[in-house]
Amino acid sequence: MVGTGVAASLAHETGHQAAALLELVESLRGDLQDRAMTSTEDAWGLWDRWISEVVADLWAVAKLGPTATMGLIGVLSLPPYFVFRVSSVDPHPPPWLRVKLSVALGRALYPDAQWSELESLWESLYPIERASAAQRAWLERLSVTIAELCDHLLEHRCPALFPERVGDAIAVADRSPSALRASLARDRWLDRLVTAPPSRALAVVGQARWSRAITPEAERRTVSNLLATWAIRRTLRADTSEVSQENVHG
């Protein structure tokens, strides 16, 4: 993985940690199970099974904006069999559906025409007509519940965040596509990344790649340099802290 793929994966894994601290999966799972019991649509039982991964993808979109979806497209561009495969055992939604959900969540958090462009790209790469009849039937049944699922996720009020809604609590205004595009119009925007919060820096890099403000090679190089810089800073802070503790107790 390189560039946006690294960014999306890092944000996704951070989302798992955040969800655990907030006990968000447990809170949502109770509601989804109630929904599954009262609905004739068995798609809700699958969303309940996949909710941990769905929440992590939601976190990634909230913190990276469209870069999260771009990263997913890069990571999940697999042979069609795997992209369309629906499994009740796999904790992840099917890749085809996962990207569609990422787009829907991004559109709900940060409305912008760019989400439709990303969705069109994904559908051009993997038109649903390429799926088997059984796969297509399941994917279409699940797709019609995406809008309701998005509302459910963003409107949810878990105890750890109450009274805020989840969507309001995790959204960051400067991760919207319009805010990220505005960053690219600033002088020396590339040099400013090193002082920006890491998630915003990665979000800007992804937007730059989408807007063709940097080449794929520059994207990879920039992400690698940022990761190395942050690692060095973290190490230096840890060393400084240890020295300070030795002075206190020495």
Protein backbone atom coordinates (compact mmCIF):
# COMPACT_ATOMS: atom_id res chain seq x y z
CA MET A 1 0.00 0.00 0.00
CA VAL A 2 1.19 3.50 -0.81
CA GLY A 3 -0.16 7.04 -0.55
CA THR A 4 -3.90 7.17 0.10
CA GLY A 5 -3.96 3.42 0.76
CA VAL A 6 -1.64 3.89 3.75
CA ALA A 7 -3.63 6.89 4.96
CA ALA A 8 -6.97 5.10 4.75
CA SER A 9 -5.63 1.99 6.48
CA LEU A 10 -4.09 3.99 9.34
CA ALA A 11 -7.30 5.96 9.87
CA HIS A 12 -9.37 2.76 9.71
CA GLU A 13 -7.27 1.06 12.40
CA THR A 14 -7.44 4.20 14.54
CA GLY A 15 -11.21 4.02 14.12
CA HIS A 16 -11.21 0.57 15.72
CA GLN A 17 -9.36 2.00 18.73
CA ALA A 18 -11.67 5.00 19.01
CA ALA A 19 -14.76 2.78 18.76
CA ALA A 20 -13.41 0.56 21.54
CA LEU A 21 -12.78 3.54 23.83
CA LEU A 22 -16.26 4.92 23.15
CA GLU A 23 -17.90 1.48 23.30
CA LEU A 24 -19.54 2.56 20.07
CA VAL A 25 -19.86 -0.85 18.44
CA GLU A 26 -21.74 -2.27 21.42
CA SER A 27 -24.06 0.71 21.49
CA LEU A 28 -24.82 0.51 17.77
CA ARG A 29 -25.09 -3.26 17.75
CA GLY A 30 -27.97 -3.21 20.20
CA ASP A 31 -29.92 -0.87 17.95
CA LEU A 32 -29.11 -2.86 14.82
CA GLN A 33 -30.22 -6.10 16.41
CA ASP A 34 -33.51 -4.47 17.36
CA ARG A 35 -33.83 -3.25 13.77
CA ALA A 36 -33.13 -6.73 12.43
CA MET A 37 -35.79 -8.25 14.67
CA THR A 38 -38.50 -5.81 13.58
CA SER A 39 -37.64 -5.76 9.86
CA THR A 40 -38.51 -8.23 7.15
CA GLU A 41 -35.27 -7.27 5.40
CA ASP A 42 -32.49 -9.63 6.53
CA ALA A 43 -29.85 -7.17 5.29
CA TRP A 44 -29.85 -5.71 8.80
CA GLY A 45 -28.54 -8.94 10.23
CA LEU A 46 -25.52 -8.62 7.95
CA TRP A 47 -24.94 -4.97 8.89
CA ASP A 48 -24.98 -6.08 12.52
CA ARG A 49 -22.27 -8.64 11.75
CA TRP A 50 -20.21 -6.05 9.88
CA ILE A 51 -20.73 -3.09 12.18
CA SER A 52 -17.21 -3.06 13.68
CA GLU A 53 -15.64 -2.60 10.25
CA VAL A 54 -18.34 -0.14 9.20
CA VAL A 55 -17.62 2.07 12.22
CA ALA A 56 -13.89 2.04 11.48
CA ASP A 57 -14.60 3.11 7.89
CA LEU A 58 -16.88 5.87 9.20
CA TRP A 59 -14.06 7.16 11.39
CA ALA A 60 -11.67 7.15 8.43
CA VAL A 61 -14.05 9.19 6.28
CA ALA A 62 -14.69 11.65 9.11
CA LYS A 63 -10.96 12.25 9.63
CA LEU A 64 -9.67 12.03 6.04
CA GLY A 65 -12.62 13.13 3.95
CA PRO A 66 -12.50 11.78 0.38
CA THR A 67 -8.94 10.52 0.88
CA ALA A 68 -10.43 7.66 2.94
CA THR A 69 -12.61 6.57 0.03
CA MET A 70 -9.77 6.98 -2.46
CA GLY A 71 -7.62 4.79 -0.24
CA LEU A 72 -10.34 2.15 -0.06
CA ILE A 73 -10.62 2.11 -3.84
CA GLY A 74 -6.89 1.56 -4.09
CA VAL A 75 -6.76 -1.17 -1.46
CA LEU A 76 -9.93 -2.97 -2.53
CA SER A 77 -9.31 -3.01 -6.28
CA LEU A 78 -9.20 -6.80 -6.41
CA PRO A 79 -10.34 -9.43 -8.91
CA PRO A 80 -14.14 -9.11 -9.41
CA TYR A 81 -14.88 -12.38 -7.59
CA PHE A 82 -13.59 -10.89 -4.33
CA VAL A 83 -15.04 -7.41 -4.92
CA PHE A 84 -18.58 -8.74 -5.30
CA ARG A 85 -18.36 -11.62 -2.81
CA VAL A 86 -20.94 -11.45 0.02
CA SER A 87 -20.02 -13.47 3.10
CA SER A 88 -21.85 -13.73 6.40
CA VAL A 89 -18.64 -15.07 7.98
CA ASP A 90 -16.25 -12.30 6.92
CA PRO A 91 -16.42 -9.37 9.39
CA HIS A 92 -15.95 -6.97 6.45
CA PRO A 93 -18.72 -5.94 4.05
CA PRO A 94 -18.12 -6.89 0.42
CA PRO A 95 -15.55 -4.50 -1.10
CA TRP A 96 -18.05 -3.27 -3.70
CA LEU A 97 -20.51 -2.34 -0.97
CA ARG A 98 -17.82 -1.01 1.35
CA VAL A 99 -16.74 1.67 -1.12
CA LYS A 100 -20.37 2.59 -1.82
CA LEU A 101 -20.98 3.01 1.92
CA SER A 102 -17.82 5.11 2.31
CA VAL A 103 -19.10 7.43 -0.43
CA ALA A 104 -22.52 7.67 1.21
CA LEU A 105 -21.05 8.46 4.62
CA GLY A 106 -18.74 11.08 3.12
CA ARG A 107 -21.59 12.68 1.21
CA ALA A 108 -23.66 12.86 4.40
CA LEU A 109 -20.82 14.35 6.47
CA TYR A 110 -19.32 16.68 3.87
CA PRO A 111 -21.74 17.31 0.96
CA ASP A 112 -19.85 17.87 -2.29
CA ALA A 113 -20.05 16.79 -5.93
CA GLN A 114 -16.71 15.01 -5.56
CA TRP A 115 -18.39 12.07 -3.85
CA SER A 116 -20.43 11.37 -6.98
CA GLU A 117 -17.22 11.45 -9.02
CA LEU A 118 -15.65 8.87 -6.72
CA GLU A 119 -18.75 6.70 -6.88
CA SER A 120 -18.80 6.89 -10.68
CA LEU A 121 -15.14 5.87 -10.78
CA TRP A 122 -15.81 2.82 -8.61
CA GLU A 123 -18.87 1.79 -10.62
CA SER A 124 -16.90 2.14 -13.86
CA LEU A 125 -14.20 -0.13 -12.46
CA TYR A 126 -16.68 -2.68 -11.11
CA PRO A 127 -20.11 -2.40 -12.80
CA ILE A 128 -22.55 -4.50 -10.83
CA GLU A 129 -23.50 -6.30 -14.04
CA ARG A 130 -20.22 -8.21 -13.70
CA ALA A 131 -21.44 -9.84 -10.49
CA SER A 132 -23.17 -13.21 -10.55
CA ALA A 133 -26.93 -13.25 -10.31
CA ALA A 134 -26.82 -14.32 -6.66
CA GLN A 135 -24.19 -11.72 -5.76
CA ARG A 136 -26.09 -8.99 -7.57
CA ALA A 137 -29.32 -9.84 -5.77
CA TRP A 138 -27.63 -9.53 -2.37
CA LEU A 139 -25.71 -6.38 -3.26
CA GLU A 140 -28.84 -4.66 -4.51
CA ARG A 141 -30.78 -5.64 -1.38
CA LEU A 142 -28.01 -4.27 0.80
CA SER A 143 -27.55 -1.14 -1.30
CA VAL A 144 -31.10 0.04 -0.74
CA THR A 145 -30.46 0.07 3.02
CA ILE A 146 -27.30 2.21 2.82
CA ALA A 147 -29.10 5.56 3.20
CA GLU A 148 -30.99 4.35 6.27
CA LEU A 149 -27.81 2.85 7.73
CA CYS A 150 -25.96 6.16 7.25
CA ASP A 151 -28.72 8.03 9.06
CA HIS A 152 -28.65 5.45 11.83
CA LEU A 153 -24.89 5.76 12.30
CA LEU A 154 -24.67 9.55 12.20
CA GLU A 155 -27.78 10.20 14.27
CA HIS A 156 -26.85 7.67 16.95
CA ARG A 157 -26.18 8.96 20.47
CA CYS A 158 -23.93 6.60 22.37
CA PRO A 159 -23.50 7.07 26.15
CA ALA A 160 -19.85 8.18 25.82
CA LEU A 161 -20.74 11.04 23.47
CA PHE A 162 -24.19 11.96 24.76
CA PRO A 163 -25.89 14.33 24.08
CA GLU A 164 -23.95 14.79 20.82
CA ARG A 165 -24.78 12.71 17.80
CA VAL A 166 -21.99 10.52 16.48
CA GLY A 167 -21.85 12.44 13.20
CA ASP A 168 -21.48 15.80 14.93
CA ALA A 169 -18.91 14.49 17.39
CA ILE A 170 -16.48 13.01 14.88
CA ALA A 171 -16.81 15.33 11.87
CA VAL A 172 -14.04 17.88 11.28
CA ALA A 173 -14.98 20.88 9.13
CA ASP A 174 -11.60 21.22 7.45
CA ARG A 175 -11.74 17.65 6.08
CA SER A 176 -14.49 18.46 3.60
CA PRO A 177 -13.54 18.32 -0.10
CA SER A 178 -14.03 22.07 -0.47
CA ALA A 179 -11.78 22.84 2.52
CA LEU A 180 -9.11 20.46 1.25
CA ARG A 181 -9.21 22.00 -2.23
CA ALA A 182 -8.85 25.44 -0.64
CA SER A 183 -5.68 24.24 1.11
CA LEU A 184 -4.15 23.41 -2.25
CA ALA A 185 -4.63 27.02 -3.36
CA ARG A 186 -2.41 28.35 -0.56
CA ASP A 187 1.22 29.23 -1.15
CA ARG A 188 3.69 26.50 -0.21
CA TRP A 189 0.86 24.14 0.76
CA LEU A 190 3.16 21.14 0.49
CA ASP A 191 5.64 22.63 2.97
CA ARG A 192 2.84 23.34 5.45
CA LEU A 193 1.87 19.68 5.77
CA VAL A 194 4.59 18.86 8.27
CA THR A 195 3.06 21.26 10.84
CA ALA A 196 -0.54 20.18 10.25
CA PRO A 197 -2.33 17.52 12.32
CA PRO A 198 -1.42 14.15 10.77
CA SER A 199 -4.92 13.24 9.64
CA ARG A 200 -5.37 16.61 7.94
CA ALA A 201 -1.95 16.37 6.28
CA LEU A 202 -2.85 12.96 4.84
CA ALA A 203 -6.26 14.24 3.79
CA VAL A 204 -4.65 17.11 1.88
CA VAL A 205 -2.20 14.77 0.13
CA GLY A 206 -5.05 12.57 -1.05
CA GLN A 207 -6.99 15.56 -2.30
CA ALA A 208 -3.89 16.81 -4.11
CA ARG A 209 -3.57 13.48 -5.89
CA TRP A 210 -7.26 13.53 -6.91
CA SER A 211 -6.93 17.12 -8.12
CA ARG A 212 -3.71 16.21 -9.99
CA ALA A 213 -1.77 18.78 -7.98
CA ILE A 214 0.93 16.13 -7.41
CA THR A 215 2.07 13.06 -9.29
CA PRO A 216 1.70 9.50 -7.93
CA GLU A 217 5.45 9.46 -7.29
CA ALA A 218 5.27 12.73 -5.34
CA GLU A 219 2.31 11.39 -3.37
CA ARG A 220 4.24 8.30 -2.28
CA ARG A 221 7.31 10.32 -1.44
CA THR A 222 5.33 12.89 0.55
CA VAL A 223 3.47 10.27 2.61
CA SER A 224 6.72 8.39 3.32
CA ASN A 225 8.45 11.58 4.43
CA LEU A 226 5.54 12.58 6.66
CA LEU A 227 5.42 9.16 8.34
CA ALA A 228 9.18 9.25 8.94
CA THR A 229 9.00 12.79 10.36
CA TRP A 230 6.18 11.92 12.74
CA ALA A 231 7.99 8.79 13.91
CA ILE A 232 11.18 10.75 14.62
CA ARG A 233 9.24 13.42 16.50
CA ARG A 234 7.51 10.79 18.62
CA THR A 235 10.85 9.15 19.44
CA LEU A 236 12.45 12.47 20.37
CA ARG A 237 9.52 13.39 22.62
CA ALA A 238 9.76 10.02 24.34
CA ASP A 239 13.52 10.44 24.83
CA THR A 240 13.04 13.94 26.22
CA SER A 241 10.39 12.69 28.61
CA GLU A 242 12.67 9.93 29.86
CA VAL A 243 15.52 12.40 30.42
CA SER A 244 13.20 14.71 32.34
CA GLN A 245 12.04 11.84 34.56
CA GLU A 246 15.65 10.87 35.25
CA ASN A 247 16.44 14.45 36.27
CA VAL A 248 13.43 14.55 38.58
CA HIS A 249 14.24 11.24 40.27
CA GLY A 250 18.04 11.46 39.93
